[in-house]
Amino acid sequence: MIEKDKKIYVAGHLGLVGSAIYANLKKKGYTNIIVRTIDELDLINQQAVNDFFAAERPDYVFLAAAYVGGIMANQTYRADFIYRNLMIQSNVIHASYIHNVKKLLFLGSTCIYPREAQQPMPEDSLLTAPLEYTNEPYAIAKIAGIKACESYNLQYGTNFISIMPTNLYGPNDNFDLERSHVLPAMIRKIFLADCLKRNDWESVQADMNRRPVGKVDGKAGKEDIIAVLGKHGIFNDHVELWGTGKPMREFLWSEEMADAAVYIMEKVDFATLAEGKKEIRNTHINIGTGKEHAIRDLAYLIKDKVGYAGEINFDASKPDGTMRKLTDVTKLHALGWHHQVEIMEGVGRLINWYKNSILG
């Protein structure tokens, strides 16, 4: 266990993952949590990171900061995805070693696994075949983070652990129509289409003011708003979604992922994960539910919960990404942690959270 007054640094505390970890730590009684916004600390800047660690001397680090996005963003900003993530994680991991951090938890992603990995994907399938092309730069950066943690542990005796969460969703998710992941993107698209169909212009404007699309916010003219929403497949009578809707995806409520992350930080050490291995590799831990759902089914679930009366159309000319990405959570269960929130409940929670974030 970790003493409640030990200094804990949560990197990326404003994001989906980091905010959930921060809230979980607070709920469990930790009293010395330090955070910095990107304006206060640019994790890409090595000198700034070193200065921060020298001044603050954290005992524990949750490395949840990352540059993330969905298929469109990964395809468009490939250089940004590999450069920014490599720099962020390398700077924080190295500074944690230099300044004697007791334990670091690095958060990656299940996109590290090969496109054609066996299903469900065990940790040992890492680096056994080619990656999915659409998010290859991001995946390579995250693989480098796993290997960095293992390498620092082996060379310097550090206690750096890597966890690979499945697709996450929950409060403070990213709903940007160009950069968000599939579930929040579908929620926002279907919500806005429903507002258009019901001629609820007040809600459309509130949504656009809260989260402008490009340079268009709720103060723009009606024609401009309708035009920009149309470019993203949002209409009053139908919603256009990328791909065929056939890919299967696993989703974990972000607050549960945070609980798993804190649980592992408190109870699991690298030595335990490496025990009995002739070659020390694949010591990372999958964090997921072990259950998968078709994107098409999720779209209709959201449609039902929003109450949208229009159509859902899938554009098969757009990429699907990997067809299946189901985690093998055997190692996680053996360590004593299981999820509780199922997708039907979670989607309803997130839709309500999103509406409240706009309308109050």
Protein backbone atom coordinates (compact mmCIF):
# COMPACT_ATOMS: atom_id res chain seq x y z
CA MET A 1 0.00 0.00 0.00
CA ILE A 2 0.95 3.65 -0.43
CA GLU A 3 0.93 6.00 2.55
CA LYS A 4 -1.87 8.54 2.08
CA ASP A 5 0.43 11.57 2.43
CA LYS A 6 3.03 10.47 -0.14
CA LYS A 7 3.45 12.89 -3.04
CA ILE A 8 1.73 11.60 -6.19
CA TYR A 9 2.08 13.27 -9.59
CA VAL A 10 -0.75 12.67 -12.08
CA ALA A 11 0.48 13.66 -15.55
CA GLY A 12 -2.45 14.49 -17.81
CA HIS A 13 -4.96 15.17 -15.03
CA LEU A 14 -7.41 17.06 -17.26
CA GLY A 15 -7.92 14.26 -19.78
CA LEU A 16 -10.35 11.37 -19.75
CA VAL A 17 -7.85 9.03 -18.09
CA GLY A 18 -5.98 11.43 -15.82
CA SER A 19 -9.08 13.14 -14.44
CA ALA A 20 -10.55 9.76 -13.50
CA ILE A 21 -7.31 8.72 -11.75
CA TYR A 22 -7.13 12.05 -9.90
CA ALA A 23 -10.74 11.67 -8.70
CA ASN A 24 -10.13 8.06 -7.63
CA LEU A 25 -7.06 9.03 -5.60
CA LYS A 26 -9.00 11.82 -3.89
CA LYS A 27 -11.87 9.45 -3.11
CA LYS A 28 -9.46 6.97 -1.54
CA GLY A 29 -8.01 9.59 0.78
CA TYR A 30 -4.70 10.55 -0.85
CA THR A 31 -3.88 14.07 0.27
CA ASN A 32 -0.69 15.08 -1.57
CA ILE A 33 -1.55 14.94 -5.28
CA ILE A 34 0.28 17.33 -7.60
CA VAL A 35 -0.82 18.30 -11.10
CA ARG A 36 0.16 20.76 -13.81
CA THR A 37 -1.70 22.00 -16.87
CA ILE A 38 0.07 22.03 -20.24
CA ASP A 39 0.47 25.79 -19.86
CA GLU A 40 2.24 25.26 -16.55
CA LEU A 41 4.37 22.31 -17.68
CA ASP A 42 5.01 21.26 -21.28
CA LEU A 43 5.95 17.58 -21.01
CA ILE A 44 7.57 17.72 -24.47
CA ASN A 45 10.17 20.09 -23.02
CA GLN A 46 12.84 17.92 -21.37
CA GLN A 47 14.41 20.73 -19.34
CA ALA A 48 11.03 21.83 -18.01
CA VAL A 49 10.22 18.25 -16.98
CA ASN A 50 13.59 17.82 -15.24
CA ASP A 51 13.17 21.12 -13.40
CA PHE A 52 9.68 20.11 -12.26
CA PHE A 53 10.84 16.74 -10.91
CA ALA A 54 13.85 18.34 -9.19
CA ALA A 55 11.60 20.87 -7.46
CA GLU A 56 8.64 18.62 -6.55
CA ARG A 57 10.31 15.22 -5.96
CA PRO A 58 7.17 13.08 -6.39
CA ASP A 59 7.17 9.61 -4.80
CA TYR A 60 4.72 8.09 -7.29
CA VAL A 61 3.83 8.97 -10.88
CA PHE A 62 0.80 8.14 -13.01
CA LEU A 63 1.83 8.81 -16.63
CA ALA A 64 -1.58 9.39 -18.20
CA ALA A 65 -0.57 12.32 -20.41
CA ALA A 66 -0.70 11.55 -24.14
CA TYR A 67 -1.61 12.97 -27.54
CA VAL A 68 -4.68 10.95 -28.55
CA GLY A 69 -7.45 10.76 -31.13
CA GLY A 70 -9.58 8.58 -33.38
CA ILE A 71 -8.98 7.16 -36.86
CA MET A 72 -9.28 10.52 -38.63
CA ALA A 73 -6.78 12.22 -36.32
CA ASN A 74 -4.36 9.28 -36.42
CA GLN A 75 -4.42 9.28 -40.22
CA THR A 76 -3.97 13.05 -40.51
CA TYR A 77 -1.43 13.83 -37.79
CA ARG A 78 0.87 10.80 -37.98
CA ALA A 79 4.07 12.74 -37.23
CA ASP A 80 2.46 14.52 -34.28
CA PHE A 81 1.25 11.24 -32.81
CA ILE A 82 4.65 9.57 -32.80
CA TYR A 83 6.76 12.62 -31.90
CA ARG A 84 4.63 14.06 -29.11
CA ASN A 85 4.00 10.74 -27.41
CA LEU A 86 7.62 9.61 -27.60
CA MET A 87 8.78 12.91 -26.12
CA ILE A 88 6.18 13.04 -23.33
CA GLN A 89 6.77 9.52 -22.08
CA SER A 90 10.56 9.54 -22.52
CA ASN A 91 10.92 12.78 -20.58
CA VAL A 92 8.69 11.67 -17.70
CA ILE A 93 10.13 8.14 -17.46
CA HIS A 94 13.73 9.35 -17.49
CA ALA A 95 13.06 12.13 -14.97
CA SER A 96 11.34 9.57 -12.72
CA TYR A 97 14.51 7.47 -12.77
CA ILE A 98 16.85 10.44 -12.19
CA HIS A 99 14.80 11.70 -9.25
CA ASN A 100 14.21 8.32 -7.58
CA VAL A 101 10.46 7.92 -8.05
CA LYS A 102 9.36 4.85 -6.05
CA LYS A 103 6.88 3.63 -8.65
CA LEU A 104 5.59 4.82 -12.02
CA LEU A 105 2.50 3.61 -13.84
CA PHE A 106 2.62 4.12 -17.62
CA LEU A 107 -0.70 4.02 -19.46
CA GLY A 108 -0.66 2.78 -23.03
CA SER A 109 -3.35 1.40 -25.33
CA THR A 110 -4.40 -1.94 -26.77
CA CYS A 111 -3.63 -0.58 -30.25
CA ILE A 112 -0.10 -1.86 -29.51
CA TYR A 113 -1.19 -5.32 -30.62
CA PRO A 114 -0.93 -6.64 -34.21
CA ARG A 115 -3.80 -6.05 -36.59
CA GLU A 116 -4.32 -9.80 -36.92
CA ALA A 117 -3.60 -10.70 -33.29
CA GLN A 118 -5.35 -13.72 -31.85
CA GLN A 119 -8.60 -12.88 -30.09
CA PRO A 120 -8.82 -12.16 -27.25
CA MET A 121 -5.36 -10.56 -27.28
CA PRO A 122 -2.96 -11.82 -24.60
CA GLU A 123 -0.01 -9.68 -23.50
CA ASP A 124 2.37 -12.13 -25.22
CA SER A 125 0.98 -11.25 -28.67
CA LEU A 126 2.93 -7.97 -28.61
CA LEU A 127 5.33 -7.59 -31.57
CA THR A 128 4.34 -10.89 -33.18
CA ALA A 129 2.97 -9.41 -36.45
CA PRO A 130 2.38 -6.07 -38.29
CA LEU A 131 0.36 -3.33 -36.61
CA GLU A 132 -2.86 -1.74 -37.84
CA TYR A 133 -1.70 0.88 -40.38
CA THR A 134 -4.15 3.65 -39.44
CA ASN A 135 -2.73 4.14 -35.93
CA GLU A 136 0.76 2.67 -36.37
CA PRO A 137 2.71 5.81 -35.24
CA TYR A 138 0.75 6.04 -31.98
CA ALA A 139 1.08 2.31 -31.36
CA ILE A 140 4.84 2.37 -31.93
CA ALA A 141 5.18 5.22 -29.43
CA LYS A 142 3.24 3.26 -26.82
CA ILE A 143 5.29 0.12 -27.47
CA ALA A 144 8.41 2.21 -26.91
CA GLY A 145 6.96 3.29 -23.56
CA ILE A 146 6.48 -0.33 -22.47
CA LYS A 147 10.02 -1.19 -23.50
CA ALA A 148 11.39 1.90 -21.76
CA CYS A 149 9.74 0.89 -18.48
CA GLU A 150 11.04 -2.67 -18.75
CA SER A 151 14.52 -1.49 -19.72
CA TYR A 152 14.85 1.03 -16.87
CA ASN A 153 13.68 -1.66 -14.46
CA LEU A 154 16.25 -4.16 -15.72
CA GLN A 155 19.17 -1.73 -15.89
CA TYR A 156 18.47 0.54 -12.94
CA GLY A 157 16.20 -1.48 -10.65
CA THR A 158 13.27 0.91 -10.94
CA ASN A 159 9.65 -0.12 -10.37
CA PHE A 160 7.94 1.12 -13.53
CA ILE A 161 4.77 -0.73 -14.59
CA SER A 162 2.82 -0.50 -17.86
CA ILE A 163 -0.91 -1.01 -18.23
CA MET A 164 -2.78 -1.19 -21.54
CA PRO A 165 -6.39 -0.01 -21.18
CA THR A 166 -8.91 -1.00 -23.81
CA ASN A 167 -11.14 1.67 -25.42
CA LEU A 168 -12.25 4.01 -22.64
CA TYR A 169 -15.30 6.22 -22.31
CA GLY A 170 -16.66 8.39 -19.54
CA PRO A 171 -16.73 11.88 -17.97
CA ASN A 172 -14.35 14.43 -19.55
CA ASP A 173 -14.12 12.42 -22.77
CA ASN A 174 -13.02 14.17 -25.96
CA PHE A 175 -16.02 15.00 -28.16
CA ASP A 176 -14.10 16.90 -30.87
CA LEU A 177 -15.58 15.79 -34.19
CA GLU A 178 -12.16 15.53 -35.86
CA ARG A 179 -10.09 14.04 -33.04
CA SER A 180 -12.42 12.03 -30.79
CA HIS A 181 -12.68 8.27 -30.50
CA VAL A 182 -15.63 6.37 -31.92
CA LEU A 183 -18.01 6.27 -28.93
CA PRO A 184 -17.96 9.98 -27.94
CA ALA A 185 -18.03 10.92 -31.65
CA MET A 186 -21.19 8.86 -32.20
CA ILE A 187 -22.83 10.30 -29.08
CA ARG A 188 -22.21 13.88 -30.17
CA LYS A 189 -23.24 13.28 -33.78
CA ILE A 190 -26.49 11.57 -32.85
CA PHE A 191 -27.26 14.13 -30.13
CA LEU A 192 -26.79 17.04 -32.56
CA ALA A 193 -28.78 15.31 -35.30
CA ASP A 194 -31.61 14.80 -32.81
CA CYS A 195 -31.50 18.50 -31.89
CA LEU A 196 -31.67 19.43 -35.58
CA LYS A 197 -34.58 17.08 -36.19
CA ARG A 198 -36.52 18.52 -33.25
CA ASN A 199 -35.53 22.05 -34.31
CA ASP A 200 -33.96 22.58 -30.88
CA TRP A 201 -31.69 25.37 -32.03
CA GLU A 202 -30.92 26.50 -28.49
CA SER A 203 -29.25 23.15 -27.70
CA VAL A 204 -27.32 23.17 -30.99
CA GLN A 205 -25.95 26.63 -30.21
CA ALA A 206 -25.09 25.63 -26.64
CA ASP A 207 -23.25 22.55 -27.94
CA MET A 208 -21.31 24.57 -30.51
CA ASN A 209 -20.41 27.24 -27.96
CA ARG A 210 -19.13 24.60 -25.55
CA ARG A 211 -17.19 22.72 -28.25
CA PRO A 212 -16.73 24.73 -31.48
CA VAL A 213 -16.23 22.76 -34.69
CA GLY A 214 -13.17 24.30 -36.31
CA LYS A 215 -13.80 28.04 -36.22
CA VAL A 216 -17.57 27.70 -36.11
CA ASP A 217 -19.33 28.17 -32.76
CA GLY A 218 -22.90 28.73 -31.69
CA LYS A 219 -22.74 32.43 -32.49
CA ALA A 220 -22.25 31.69 -36.20
CA GLY A 221 -25.08 31.96 -38.67
CA LYS A 222 -27.52 29.09 -38.98
CA GLU A 223 -26.37 28.24 -42.50
CA ASP A 224 -22.72 28.09 -41.42
CA ILE A 225 -23.52 25.79 -38.51
CA ILE A 226 -25.63 23.46 -40.66
CA ALA A 227 -22.87 23.40 -43.29
CA VAL A 228 -20.08 22.48 -40.88
CA LEU A 229 -22.20 19.81 -39.19
CA GLY A 230 -23.04 18.39 -42.61
CA LYS A 231 -19.32 18.05 -43.36
CA HIS A 232 -19.13 15.75 -40.35
CA GLY A 233 -22.13 13.67 -41.37
CA ILE A 234 -24.70 15.31 -39.10
CA PHE A 235 -28.12 16.04 -40.63
CA ASN A 236 -31.63 16.37 -39.26
CA ASP A 237 -32.87 13.17 -40.94
CA HIS A 238 -29.74 10.98 -40.77
CA VAL A 239 -26.24 10.57 -39.37
CA GLU A 240 -23.30 9.30 -41.43
CA LEU A 241 -20.71 7.21 -39.60
CA TRP A 242 -17.33 5.99 -40.86
CA GLY A 243 -16.86 2.38 -41.94
CA THR A 244 -19.22 -0.56 -42.17
CA GLY A 245 -20.22 -0.71 -38.51
CA LYS A 246 -18.98 -4.31 -38.38
CA PRO A 247 -15.79 -3.88 -36.29
CA MET A 248 -16.07 -5.25 -32.78
CA ARG A 249 -14.83 -3.11 -29.92
CA GLU A 250 -14.42 -3.48 -26.18
CA PHE A 251 -15.20 -0.50 -23.94
CA LEU A 252 -14.35 0.18 -20.31
CA TRP A 253 -15.87 2.97 -18.18
CA SER A 254 -13.03 5.42 -17.47
CA GLU A 255 -13.70 5.62 -13.74
CA GLU A 256 -13.29 1.84 -13.53
CA MET A 257 -10.04 2.02 -15.47
CA ALA A 258 -8.85 4.57 -12.90
CA ASP A 259 -9.79 2.19 -10.10
CA ALA A 260 -7.78 -0.58 -11.79
CA ALA A 261 -4.80 1.77 -12.24
CA VAL A 262 -4.77 2.81 -8.57
CA TYR A 263 -5.29 -0.80 -7.50
CA ILE A 264 -2.22 -1.89 -9.49
CA MET A 265 -0.14 1.04 -8.22
CA GLU A 266 -1.02 0.06 -4.65
CA LYS A 267 -0.67 -3.71 -4.89
CA VAL A 268 1.51 -4.82 -7.85
CA ASP A 269 5.28 -4.53 -8.33
CA PHE A 270 7.43 -5.15 -11.41
CA ALA A 271 9.22 -8.00 -9.64
CA THR A 272 5.92 -9.90 -9.40
CA LEU A 273 5.19 -9.38 -13.10
CA ALA A 274 8.69 -10.50 -14.11
CA GLU A 275 8.83 -13.50 -11.80
CA GLY A 276 9.55 -16.79 -13.56
CA LYS A 277 10.28 -15.23 -16.96
CA LYS A 278 13.50 -16.35 -18.66
CA GLU A 279 13.40 -13.25 -20.87
CA ILE A 280 11.81 -10.19 -19.25
CA ARG A 281 9.27 -8.93 -21.76
CA ASN A 282 5.52 -8.43 -22.02
CA THR A 283 5.23 -7.55 -18.34
CA HIS A 284 2.48 -5.04 -19.14
CA ILE A 285 -1.11 -5.67 -18.01
CA ASN A 286 -4.24 -5.48 -20.17
CA ILE A 287 -7.05 -3.47 -18.55
CA GLY A 288 -10.46 -4.27 -19.95
CA THR A 289 -13.75 -6.13 -19.66
CA GLY A 290 -13.13 -9.12 -21.93
CA LYS A 291 -16.43 -8.31 -23.71
CA GLU A 292 -16.92 -6.84 -27.21
CA HIS A 293 -19.70 -5.08 -29.15
CA ALA A 294 -20.23 -4.22 -32.83
CA ILE A 295 -19.95 -0.51 -33.67
CA ARG A 296 -23.29 -0.77 -35.50
CA ASP A 297 -25.00 -2.10 -32.36
CA LEU A 298 -23.50 0.69 -30.27
CA ALA A 299 -24.73 3.30 -32.75
CA TYR A 300 -28.28 1.99 -32.45
CA LEU A 301 -27.95 1.80 -28.66
CA ILE A 302 -27.00 5.49 -28.61
CA LYS A 303 -29.82 6.30 -31.05
CA ASP A 304 -32.30 4.61 -28.73
CA LYS A 305 -31.04 6.28 -25.56
CA VAL A 306 -30.93 9.74 -27.19
CA GLY A 307 -34.38 9.18 -28.70
CA TYR A 308 -33.26 10.12 -32.21
CA ALA A 309 -35.90 9.35 -34.88
CA GLY A 310 -33.61 9.71 -37.93
CA GLU A 311 -31.52 7.12 -39.77
CA ILE A 312 -27.99 5.83 -39.15
CA ASN A 313 -25.96 5.38 -42.34
CA PHE A 314 -22.52 3.78 -42.55
CA ASP A 315 -19.98 4.93 -45.18
CA ALA A 316 -18.15 1.77 -46.22
CA SER A 317 -15.70 3.82 -48.31
CA LYS A 318 -14.13 5.01 -45.05
CA PRO A 319 -11.73 2.78 -43.05
CA ASP A 320 -12.94 0.41 -40.37
CA GLY A 321 -9.62 0.01 -38.61
CA THR A 322 -8.92 -3.30 -36.91
CA MET A 323 -11.95 -5.59 -37.09
CA ARG A 324 -11.53 -6.98 -33.57
CA LYS A 325 -9.59 -5.72 -30.54
CA LEU A 326 -10.65 -7.77 -27.55
CA THR A 327 -8.29 -7.96 -24.59
CA ASP A 328 -7.40 -11.10 -22.72
CA VAL A 329 -7.85 -10.00 -19.12
CA THR A 330 -6.66 -13.23 -17.51
CA LYS A 331 -3.63 -11.55 -15.93
CA LEU A 332 -5.74 -8.66 -14.59
CA HIS A 333 -8.28 -11.02 -13.04
CA ALA A 334 -5.49 -13.09 -11.49
CA LEU A 335 -4.22 -9.91 -9.83
CA GLY A 336 -7.65 -9.49 -8.24
CA TRP A 337 -9.48 -6.76 -10.22
CA HIS A 338 -12.74 -7.08 -12.23
CA HIS A 339 -14.95 -4.48 -13.96
CA GLN A 340 -18.54 -3.74 -12.84
CA VAL A 341 -20.09 -1.21 -15.29
CA GLU A 342 -21.59 -2.82 -18.41
CA ILE A 343 -21.97 -0.97 -21.72
CA MET A 344 -25.76 -0.42 -21.51
CA GLU A 345 -25.38 1.42 -18.21
CA GLY A 346 -22.21 3.25 -19.22
CA VAL A 347 -23.56 4.65 -22.49
CA GLY A 348 -26.58 6.05 -20.67
CA ARG A 349 -24.31 7.64 -18.07
CA LEU A 350 -22.12 9.27 -20.71
CA ILE A 351 -25.05 10.65 -22.70
CA ASN A 352 -26.42 12.24 -19.51
CA TRP A 353 -22.98 13.63 -18.63
CA TYR A 354 -22.62 15.10 -22.12
CA LYS A 355 -26.03 16.79 -22.01
CA ASN A 356 -25.28 18.22 -18.57
CA SER A 357 -21.89 19.52 -19.77
CA ILE A 358 -23.74 21.56 -22.40
CA LEU A 359 -26.97 22.54 -20.79
CA GLY A 360 -26.11 22.40 -17.10
